[in-house]
């Protein structure tokens, strides 16, 4: 019987390849990770500012597809933070404009590719930095650290714990 990681290494993910145990481990990780981020946000910041939309997509990668190269810690943290820095710079330079949106996303894709830190939710972090509204804009250059860096780190710690509790999973595959 193929293990979860052997299936993930293949070029295709066919219907029926994931069993209910894998789905339950993925659910547990996503629930625990987002609960930790939301709790920390409520207790520490007294708002839900630590919870950003890109964390939903990050959860899919680190809990449901932990063998993906996009789900490895370096990609998650550096790809997201680098993209957030680019997004903040675009907002500072151009405001919440269509040009800032286009530049933030495209430059974050370019930067992640050049630094080999591709993490698709990173582009969402860049986008959020531009269109996130007054609470996000008020954070300014802090946005890449809190919520992005801190939130990614918390979710990664949960991913390391949960994914390694399952005998058939190992995470991360590399740092």
N, C-alpha and C. Protein backbone atom coordinates (compact mmCIF):
# COMPACT_ATOMS: atom_id res chain seq x y z
N UNK A 1 0.84 -1.18 0.00
CA UNK A 1 0.00 0.00 0.00
C UNK A 1 0.88 1.24 0.00
N UNK A 2 0.54 2.18 -0.87
CA UNK A 2 1.31 3.42 -0.94
C UNK A 2 1.08 4.26 0.30
N UNK A 3 2.12 4.95 0.73
CA UNK A 3 1.95 5.87 1.85
C UNK A 3 1.51 7.22 1.32
N UNK A 4 1.12 8.05 2.23
CA UNK A 4 0.68 9.40 1.89
C UNK A 4 1.75 10.12 1.08
N UNK A 5 3.01 10.04 1.50
CA UNK A 5 4.07 10.80 0.83
C UNK A 5 4.40 10.23 -0.53
N UNK A 6 4.31 8.92 -0.70
CA UNK A 6 4.54 8.36 -2.02
C UNK A 6 3.49 8.87 -3.00
N UNK A 7 2.26 8.97 -2.54
CA UNK A 7 1.20 9.50 -3.40
C UNK A 7 1.45 10.97 -3.71
N UNK A 8 1.90 11.73 -2.72
CA UNK A 8 2.13 13.16 -2.92
C UNK A 8 3.29 13.40 -3.89
N UNK A 9 4.27 12.51 -3.93
CA UNK A 9 5.41 12.69 -4.82
C UNK A 9 5.05 12.46 -6.28
N UNK A 10 3.96 11.77 -6.53
CA UNK A 10 3.53 11.52 -7.90
C UNK A 10 3.10 12.80 -8.59
N UNK A 11 3.00 12.73 -9.91
CA UNK A 11 2.65 13.93 -10.66
C UNK A 11 1.17 14.26 -10.58
N UNK A 12 0.32 13.28 -10.22
CA UNK A 12 -1.11 13.53 -10.14
C UNK A 12 -1.67 13.05 -8.82
N UNK A 13 -2.71 13.69 -8.41
CA UNK A 13 -3.42 13.31 -7.20
C UNK A 13 -4.80 12.86 -7.65
N UNK A 14 -5.01 11.56 -7.78
CA UNK A 14 -6.26 11.03 -8.32
C UNK A 14 -7.31 10.88 -7.24
N UNK A 15 -8.55 10.96 -7.65
CA UNK A 15 -9.68 10.78 -6.75
C UNK A 15 -9.57 9.41 -6.07
N UNK A 16 -9.78 9.39 -4.76
CA UNK A 16 -9.73 8.13 -4.02
C UNK A 16 -8.36 7.80 -3.45
N UNK A 17 -7.34 8.60 -3.76
CA UNK A 17 -6.00 8.31 -3.26
C UNK A 17 -5.82 8.70 -1.79
N UNK A 18 -6.65 9.58 -1.28
CA UNK A 18 -6.52 10.02 0.10
C UNK A 18 -7.54 9.26 0.94
N UNK A 19 -7.06 8.64 2.00
CA UNK A 19 -8.02 7.92 2.84
C UNK A 19 -8.51 8.81 3.99
N UNK A 20 -9.49 8.33 4.69
CA UNK A 20 -10.12 9.12 5.75
C UNK A 20 -9.15 9.48 6.86
N UNK A 21 -8.13 8.62 7.12
CA UNK A 21 -7.15 8.95 8.17
C UNK A 21 -6.35 10.19 7.80
N UNK A 22 -5.92 10.27 6.54
CA UNK A 22 -5.19 11.47 6.10
C UNK A 22 -6.05 12.71 6.21
N UNK A 23 -7.31 12.57 5.80
CA UNK A 23 -8.22 13.71 5.87
C UNK A 23 -8.41 14.15 7.32
N UNK A 24 -8.50 13.20 8.24
CA UNK A 24 -8.66 13.55 9.66
C UNK A 24 -7.42 14.23 10.21
N UNK A 25 -6.23 13.77 9.83
CA UNK A 25 -5.00 14.43 10.28
C UNK A 25 -4.94 15.85 9.73
N UNK A 26 -5.33 16.01 8.47
CA UNK A 26 -5.33 17.35 7.86
C UNK A 26 -6.32 18.26 8.59
N UNK A 27 -7.51 17.73 8.90
CA UNK A 27 -8.51 18.52 9.63
C UNK A 27 -7.97 18.92 11.00
N UNK A 28 -7.38 17.96 11.71
CA UNK A 28 -6.85 18.24 13.04
C UNK A 28 -5.79 19.34 12.99
N UNK A 29 -4.88 19.24 12.03
CA UNK A 29 -3.84 20.26 11.90
C UNK A 29 -4.42 21.63 11.59
N UNK A 30 -5.32 21.68 10.61
CA UNK A 30 -5.91 22.96 10.23
C UNK A 30 -6.70 23.57 11.39
N UNK A 31 -7.45 22.74 12.09
CA UNK A 31 -8.23 23.23 13.23
C UNK A 31 -7.32 23.74 14.34
N UNK A 32 -6.32 22.95 14.69
CA UNK A 32 -5.40 23.35 15.76
C UNK A 32 -4.59 24.58 15.37
N UNK A 33 -4.10 24.63 14.15
CA UNK A 33 -3.30 25.76 13.70
C UNK A 33 -4.08 27.06 13.67
N UNK A 34 -5.26 27.02 13.08
CA UNK A 34 -6.06 28.24 13.01
C UNK A 34 -6.60 28.63 14.39
N UNK A 35 -6.89 27.62 15.23
CA UNK A 35 -7.32 27.93 16.60
C UNK A 35 -6.21 28.64 17.36
N UNK A 36 -4.98 28.17 17.20
CA UNK A 36 -3.85 28.79 17.89
C UNK A 36 -3.65 30.23 17.43
N UNK A 37 -3.72 30.46 16.13
CA UNK A 37 -3.54 31.81 15.60
C UNK A 37 -4.69 32.71 16.07
N UNK A 38 -5.92 32.22 15.99
CA UNK A 38 -7.07 33.03 16.39
C UNK A 38 -7.04 33.32 17.89
N UNK A 39 -6.68 32.32 18.70
CA UNK A 39 -6.61 32.53 20.15
C UNK A 39 -5.52 33.56 20.48
N UNK A 40 -4.36 33.40 19.89
CA UNK A 40 -3.27 34.34 20.12
C UNK A 40 -3.67 35.75 19.72
N UNK A 41 -4.36 35.85 18.60
CA UNK A 41 -4.81 37.15 18.13
C UNK A 41 -5.80 37.79 19.10
N UNK A 42 -6.76 37.01 19.56
CA UNK A 42 -7.76 37.52 20.51
C UNK A 42 -7.14 37.92 21.83
N UNK A 43 -6.27 37.08 22.36
CA UNK A 43 -5.69 37.32 23.68
C UNK A 43 -4.62 38.40 23.66
N UNK A 44 -3.79 38.40 22.63
CA UNK A 44 -2.65 39.29 22.61
C UNK A 44 -2.99 40.64 21.98
N UNK A 45 -3.66 40.58 20.83
CA UNK A 45 -3.95 41.81 20.10
C UNK A 45 -5.34 42.36 20.38
N UNK A 46 -6.19 41.54 21.01
CA UNK A 46 -7.56 41.92 21.33
C UNK A 46 -8.40 42.22 20.08
N UNK A 47 -7.93 41.73 18.95
CA UNK A 47 -8.68 41.84 17.68
C UNK A 47 -8.32 40.60 16.86
N UNK A 48 -8.94 40.45 15.72
CA UNK A 48 -8.61 39.31 14.85
C UNK A 48 -7.59 39.71 13.78
N UNK A 49 -6.76 40.69 14.08
CA UNK A 49 -5.80 41.18 13.11
C UNK A 49 -4.73 40.16 12.75
N UNK A 50 -4.45 39.21 13.64
CA UNK A 50 -3.44 38.20 13.35
C UNK A 50 -3.95 37.19 12.32
N UNK A 51 -5.25 37.11 12.14
CA UNK A 51 -5.84 36.17 11.20
C UNK A 51 -6.03 36.87 9.86
N UNK A 52 -5.28 36.43 8.85
CA UNK A 52 -5.40 36.99 7.51
C UNK A 52 -5.81 35.89 6.54
N UNK A 53 -6.43 36.29 5.44
CA UNK A 53 -6.97 35.34 4.47
C UNK A 53 -5.97 34.36 3.91
N UNK A 54 -4.73 34.79 3.75
CA UNK A 54 -3.73 33.89 3.17
C UNK A 54 -3.45 32.68 4.07
N UNK A 55 -3.78 32.78 5.36
CA UNK A 55 -3.54 31.65 6.26
C UNK A 55 -4.44 30.46 5.96
N UNK A 56 -5.60 30.70 5.36
CA UNK A 56 -6.45 29.59 4.95
C UNK A 56 -5.76 28.74 3.89
N UNK A 57 -5.16 29.39 2.92
CA UNK A 57 -4.44 28.67 1.86
C UNK A 57 -3.16 28.03 2.40
N UNK A 58 -2.49 28.71 3.31
CA UNK A 58 -1.30 28.12 3.94
C UNK A 58 -1.69 26.85 4.68
N UNK A 59 -2.84 26.86 5.33
CA UNK A 59 -3.32 25.67 6.05
C UNK A 59 -3.50 24.49 5.12
N UNK A 60 -4.04 24.72 3.95
CA UNK A 60 -4.22 23.63 2.98
C UNK A 60 -2.86 23.00 2.67
N UNK A 61 -1.87 23.83 2.44
CA UNK A 61 -0.55 23.30 2.07
C UNK A 61 0.14 22.58 3.23
N UNK A 62 0.23 23.20 4.40
CA UNK A 62 1.03 22.60 5.47
C UNK A 62 0.34 21.46 6.19
N UNK A 63 -0.99 21.40 6.14
CA UNK A 63 -1.70 20.32 6.83
C UNK A 63 -2.21 19.25 5.87
N UNK A 64 -2.64 19.62 4.68
CA UNK A 64 -3.20 18.64 3.76
C UNK A 64 -2.21 18.19 2.68
N UNK A 65 -1.18 18.98 2.43
CA UNK A 65 -0.18 18.62 1.42
C UNK A 65 1.22 18.92 1.95
N UNK A 66 1.57 18.35 3.12
CA UNK A 66 2.84 18.70 3.76
C UNK A 66 4.09 18.28 2.98
N UNK A 67 3.94 17.41 2.00
CA UNK A 67 5.10 17.00 1.21
C UNK A 67 5.37 17.96 0.05
N UNK A 68 4.46 18.89 -0.19
CA UNK A 68 4.63 19.84 -1.28
C UNK A 68 5.85 20.73 -1.02
N UNK A 69 6.61 21.03 -2.07
CA UNK A 69 7.73 21.96 -1.88
C UNK A 69 7.25 23.33 -1.41
N UNK A 70 6.03 23.71 -1.77
CA UNK A 70 5.48 25.01 -1.35
C UNK A 70 5.11 25.03 0.13
N UNK A 71 5.05 23.86 0.77
CA UNK A 71 4.64 23.76 2.16
C UNK A 71 5.82 23.68 3.13
N UNK A 72 7.03 23.71 2.63
CA UNK A 72 8.19 23.58 3.51
C UNK A 72 8.44 24.89 4.26
N UNK A 73 8.96 24.81 5.47
CA UNK A 73 9.08 25.98 6.34
C UNK A 73 9.73 27.22 5.70
N UNK A 74 10.81 27.02 4.99
CA UNK A 74 11.49 28.15 4.36
C UNK A 74 10.55 28.88 3.41
N UNK A 75 9.82 28.12 2.63
CA UNK A 75 8.88 28.72 1.68
C UNK A 75 7.73 29.43 2.39
N UNK A 76 7.20 28.77 3.42
CA UNK A 76 6.05 29.34 4.13
C UNK A 76 6.42 30.68 4.77
N UNK A 77 7.48 30.69 5.53
CA UNK A 77 7.83 31.90 6.28
C UNK A 77 8.45 32.97 5.37
N UNK A 78 9.50 32.60 4.65
CA UNK A 78 10.19 33.61 3.85
C UNK A 78 9.36 34.06 2.65
N UNK A 79 8.69 33.13 1.99
CA UNK A 79 7.85 33.51 0.85
C UNK A 79 6.74 34.46 1.27
N UNK A 80 6.11 34.17 2.40
CA UNK A 80 5.02 35.03 2.89
C UNK A 80 5.53 36.38 3.36
N UNK A 81 6.61 36.39 4.12
CA UNK A 81 7.13 37.66 4.65
C UNK A 81 7.70 38.54 3.55
N UNK A 82 8.45 37.95 2.63
CA UNK A 82 9.00 38.71 1.51
C UNK A 82 7.87 39.34 0.69
N UNK A 83 6.85 38.56 0.42
CA UNK A 83 5.70 39.07 -0.33
C UNK A 83 4.99 40.19 0.43
N UNK A 84 4.87 40.04 1.74
CA UNK A 84 4.23 41.09 2.55
C UNK A 84 5.03 42.38 2.51
N UNK A 85 6.35 42.28 2.54
CA UNK A 85 7.20 43.47 2.43
C UNK A 85 6.95 44.17 1.09
N UNK A 86 6.88 43.38 0.03
CA UNK A 86 6.62 43.94 -1.30
C UNK A 86 5.25 44.60 -1.34
N UNK A 87 4.26 43.95 -0.75
CA UNK A 87 2.92 44.52 -0.71
C UNK A 87 2.87 45.84 0.04
N UNK A 88 3.54 45.90 1.18
CA UNK A 88 3.58 47.15 1.96
C UNK A 88 4.28 48.24 1.14
N UNK A 89 5.38 47.91 0.49
CA UNK A 89 6.09 48.89 -0.33
C UNK A 89 5.20 49.42 -1.45
N UNK A 90 4.48 48.54 -2.10
CA UNK A 90 3.58 48.97 -3.18
C UNK A 90 2.47 49.87 -2.65
N UNK A 91 1.92 49.52 -1.49
CA UNK A 91 0.89 50.39 -0.90
C UNK A 91 1.47 51.75 -0.53
N UNK A 92 2.65 51.75 0.09
CA UNK A 92 3.28 53.01 0.51
C UNK A 92 3.55 53.90 -0.70
N UNK A 93 3.92 53.29 -1.80
CA UNK A 93 4.30 54.02 -3.00
C UNK A 93 3.09 54.49 -3.81
N UNK A 94 2.09 53.57 -3.96
CA UNK A 94 0.98 53.84 -4.88
C UNK A 94 -0.41 53.89 -4.24
N UNK A 95 -0.49 53.60 -2.94
CA UNK A 95 -1.80 53.56 -2.29
C UNK A 95 -2.56 52.30 -2.68
N UNK A 96 -3.83 52.26 -2.36
CA UNK A 96 -4.66 51.08 -2.66
C UNK A 96 -5.24 51.23 -4.06
N UNK A 97 -4.36 51.16 -5.05
CA UNK A 97 -4.76 51.35 -6.45
C UNK A 97 -4.62 50.04 -7.22
N UNK A 98 -5.22 50.02 -8.39
CA UNK A 98 -5.11 48.85 -9.26
C UNK A 98 -3.64 48.56 -9.61
N UNK A 99 -2.87 49.61 -9.84
CA UNK A 99 -1.45 49.42 -10.17
C UNK A 99 -0.70 48.82 -8.98
N UNK A 100 -1.01 49.26 -7.77
CA UNK A 100 -0.36 48.70 -6.58
C UNK A 100 -0.71 47.23 -6.42
N UNK A 101 -1.96 46.88 -6.68
CA UNK A 101 -2.39 45.47 -6.61
C UNK A 101 -1.60 44.63 -7.59
N UNK A 102 -1.57 45.08 -8.85
CA UNK A 102 -0.88 44.32 -9.89
C UNK A 102 0.61 44.18 -9.60
N UNK A 103 1.23 45.26 -9.17
CA UNK A 103 2.67 45.22 -8.86
C UNK A 103 2.96 44.36 -7.64
N UNK A 104 2.15 44.48 -6.60
CA UNK A 104 2.39 43.71 -5.38
C UNK A 104 2.36 42.21 -5.67
N UNK A 105 1.35 41.76 -6.38
CA UNK A 105 1.23 40.33 -6.67
C UNK A 105 2.32 39.88 -7.63
N UNK A 106 2.52 40.61 -8.71
CA UNK A 106 3.50 40.17 -9.71
C UNK A 106 4.94 40.24 -9.19
N UNK A 107 5.25 41.29 -8.45
CA UNK A 107 6.61 41.38 -7.89
C UNK A 107 6.84 40.33 -6.81
N UNK A 108 5.81 39.99 -6.05
CA UNK A 108 5.99 38.93 -5.05
C UNK A 108 6.22 37.58 -5.72
N UNK A 109 5.53 37.32 -6.81
CA UNK A 109 5.76 36.08 -7.56
C UNK A 109 7.20 36.05 -8.06
N UNK A 110 7.65 37.14 -8.65
CA UNK A 110 9.02 37.24 -9.15
C UNK A 110 10.03 37.03 -8.02
N UNK A 111 9.85 37.74 -6.92
CA UNK A 111 10.79 37.65 -5.80
C UNK A 111 10.83 36.24 -5.20
N UNK A 112 9.66 35.60 -5.06
CA UNK A 112 9.65 34.23 -4.52
C UNK A 112 10.36 33.27 -5.46
N UNK A 113 10.16 33.43 -6.76
CA UNK A 113 10.85 32.55 -7.70
C UNK A 113 12.35 32.76 -7.64
N UNK A 114 12.80 34.02 -7.63
CA UNK A 114 14.23 34.30 -7.63
C UNK A 114 14.92 33.86 -6.34
N UNK A 115 14.18 33.86 -5.23
CA UNK A 115 14.77 33.44 -3.95
C UNK A 115 14.45 31.98 -3.61
N UNK A 116 13.77 31.29 -4.52
CA UNK A 116 13.38 29.89 -4.32
C UNK A 116 12.59 29.69 -3.03
N UNK A 117 11.66 30.61 -2.81
CA UNK A 117 10.79 30.54 -1.63
C UNK A 117 9.32 30.59 -2.04
N UNK A 118 8.97 29.98 -3.15
CA UNK A 118 7.60 30.06 -3.65
C UNK A 118 6.62 29.43 -2.66
N UNK A 119 5.66 30.24 -2.26
CA UNK A 119 4.56 29.82 -1.39
C UNK A 119 3.34 30.58 -1.91
N UNK A 120 2.47 29.91 -2.68
CA UNK A 120 1.36 30.64 -3.31
C UNK A 120 0.58 31.59 -2.40
N UNK A 121 0.30 31.23 -1.15
CA UNK A 121 -0.38 32.21 -0.30
C UNK A 121 0.43 33.48 -0.04
N UNK A 122 1.71 33.44 -0.33
CA UNK A 122 2.54 34.64 -0.19
C UNK A 122 2.03 35.77 -1.06
N UNK A 123 1.61 35.44 -2.29
CA UNK A 123 1.06 36.47 -3.17
C UNK A 123 -0.20 37.08 -2.57
N UNK A 124 -0.97 36.26 -1.85
CA UNK A 124 -2.15 36.79 -1.17
C UNK A 124 -1.74 37.74 -0.05
N UNK A 125 -0.64 37.44 0.61
CA UNK A 125 -0.14 38.35 1.66
C UNK A 125 0.22 39.71 1.06
N UNK A 126 0.83 39.69 -0.11
CA UNK A 126 1.16 40.95 -0.79
C UNK A 126 -0.12 41.71 -1.15
N UNK A 127 -1.11 40.99 -1.64
CA UNK A 127 -2.39 41.60 -2.00
C UNK A 127 -3.09 42.19 -0.78
N UNK A 128 -3.08 41.45 0.32
CA UNK A 128 -3.72 41.92 1.56
C UNK A 128 -3.05 43.19 2.06
N UNK A 129 -1.73 43.28 1.90
CA UNK A 129 -1.02 44.49 2.33
C UNK A 129 -1.52 45.73 1.59
N UNK A 130 -1.97 45.54 0.36
CA UNK A 130 -2.46 46.66 -0.45
C UNK A 130 -3.94 46.94 -0.19
N UNK A 131 -4.77 45.91 -0.17
CA UNK A 131 -6.23 46.12 -0.09
C UNK A 131 -6.82 45.80 1.28
N UNK A 132 -5.98 45.56 2.27
CA UNK A 132 -6.44 45.11 3.57
C UNK A 132 -7.22 46.10 4.40
N UNK A 133 -7.22 47.34 4.03
CA UNK A 133 -8.00 48.32 4.77
C UNK A 133 -7.21 49.04 5.84
N UNK A 134 -7.89 49.92 6.58
CA UNK A 134 -7.21 50.79 7.55
C UNK A 134 -6.42 50.05 8.64
N UNK A 135 -6.97 48.95 9.16
CA UNK A 135 -6.25 48.21 10.22
C UNK A 135 -4.92 47.66 9.70
N UNK A 136 -4.95 47.10 8.51
CA UNK A 136 -3.73 46.55 7.90
C UNK A 136 -2.78 47.69 7.54
N UNK A 137 -3.30 48.74 6.92
CA UNK A 137 -2.45 49.85 6.51
C UNK A 137 -1.81 50.54 7.71
N UNK A 138 -2.50 50.57 8.84
CA UNK A 138 -1.95 51.20 10.04
C UNK A 138 -0.72 50.45 10.56
N UNK A 139 -0.63 49.16 10.27
CA UNK A 139 0.54 48.39 10.70
C UNK A 139 1.80 48.79 9.94
N UNK A 140 1.64 49.24 8.72
CA UNK A 140 2.79 49.65 7.92
C UNK A 140 3.82 48.54 7.79
N UNK A 141 5.06 48.87 8.09
CA UNK A 141 6.16 47.92 7.92
C UNK A 141 6.16 46.81 8.97
N UNK A 142 5.29 46.91 9.95
CA UNK A 142 5.14 45.84 10.93
C UNK A 142 4.35 44.66 10.34
N UNK A 143 3.52 44.90 9.33
CA UNK A 143 2.66 43.86 8.74
C UNK A 143 3.42 42.58 8.35
N UNK A 144 4.60 42.66 7.75
CA UNK A 144 5.31 41.40 7.43
C UNK A 144 5.70 40.58 8.66
N UNK A 145 5.88 41.24 9.80
CA UNK A 145 6.24 40.53 11.03
C UNK A 145 5.02 40.04 11.78
N UNK A 146 4.08 40.96 12.01
CA UNK A 146 2.82 40.66 12.69
C UNK A 146 1.72 41.28 11.87
N UNK A 147 0.93 40.52 11.25
CA UNK A 147 0.56 39.14 11.52
C UNK A 147 1.29 38.07 10.70
N UNK A 148 1.91 38.42 9.58
CA UNK A 148 2.38 37.39 8.64
C UNK A 148 3.44 36.48 9.25
N UNK A 149 4.56 37.02 9.70
CA UNK A 149 5.64 36.19 10.23
C UNK A 149 5.23 35.40 11.46
N UNK A 150 4.58 36.07 12.40
CA UNK A 150 4.16 35.40 13.63
C UNK A 150 3.11 34.32 13.34
N UNK A 151 2.12 34.66 12.53
CA UNK A 151 1.07 33.69 12.20
C UNK A 151 1.61 32.47 11.49
N UNK A 152 2.49 32.68 10.52
CA UNK A 152 3.10 31.54 9.80
C UNK A 152 3.92 30.67 10.74
N UNK A 153 4.64 31.30 11.65
CA UNK A 153 5.46 30.54 12.61
C UNK A 153 4.59 29.69 13.53
N UNK A 154 3.52 30.26 14.04
CA UNK A 154 2.60 29.51 14.90
C UNK A 154 2.01 28.32 14.14
N UNK A 155 1.54 28.57 12.92
CA UNK A 155 0.96 27.47 12.13
C UNK A 155 2.00 26.41 11.80
N UNK A 156 3.24 26.80 11.56
CA UNK A 156 4.31 25.83 11.28
C UNK A 156 4.60 24.97 12.51
N UNK A 157 4.63 25.57 13.67
CA UNK A 157 4.87 24.78 14.89
C UNK A 157 3.78 23.73 15.08
N UNK A 158 2.55 24.12 14.83
CA UNK A 158 1.44 23.16 14.91
C UNK A 158 1.59 22.09 13.84
N UNK A 159 1.98 22.49 12.63
CA UNK A 159 2.16 21.52 11.53
C UNK A 159 3.25 20.50 11.86
N UNK A 160 4.33 20.95 12.46
CA UNK A 160 5.41 20.04 12.84
C UNK A 160 4.90 19.03 13.86
N UNK A 161 4.17 19.52 14.85
CA UNK A 161 3.63 18.64 15.88
C UNK A 161 2.61 17.65 15.31
N UNK A 162 1.58 18.16 14.66
CA UNK A 162 0.48 17.31 14.20
C UNK A 162 0.94 16.34 13.10
N UNK A 163 1.67 16.84 12.12
CA UNK A 163 2.08 15.96 11.02
C UNK A 163 3.03 14.85 11.47
N UNK A 164 3.80 15.10 12.52
CA UNK A 164 4.73 14.07 12.99
C UNK A 164 4.11 13.14 14.04
N UNK A 165 2.90 13.45 14.50
CA UNK A 165 2.18 12.52 15.37
C UNK A 165 1.68 11.32 14.58
N UNK A 166 1.33 11.55 13.32
CA UNK A 166 0.87 10.46 12.46
C UNK A 166 2.08 9.65 12.02
N UNK A 167 2.00 8.33 12.14
CA UNK A 167 3.15 7.48 11.80
C UNK A 167 3.51 7.53 10.33
N UNK A 168 2.57 7.82 9.47
CA UNK A 168 2.82 7.80 8.04
C UNK A 168 3.15 9.18 7.46
N UNK A 169 3.31 10.19 8.30
CA UNK A 169 3.66 11.53 7.84
C UNK A 169 4.98 11.97 8.44
N UNK A 170 5.70 12.80 7.70
CA UNK A 170 6.91 13.42 8.20
C UNK A 170 6.93 14.86 7.69
N UNK A 171 7.11 15.79 8.62
CA UNK A 171 7.14 17.19 8.22
C UNK A 171 8.08 17.94 9.14
N UNK A 172 8.91 18.75 8.60
CA UNK A 172 9.09 19.08 7.19
C UNK A 172 9.97 18.04 6.49
N UNK A 173 9.92 18.05 5.17
CA UNK A 173 10.80 17.17 4.40
C UNK A 173 12.20 17.77 4.34
N UNK A 174 12.26 19.10 4.35
CA UNK A 174 13.53 19.82 4.42
C UNK A 174 13.28 21.21 4.97
N UNK A 175 14.32 21.83 5.49
CA UNK A 175 14.19 23.17 6.08
C UNK A 175 14.59 24.21 5.06
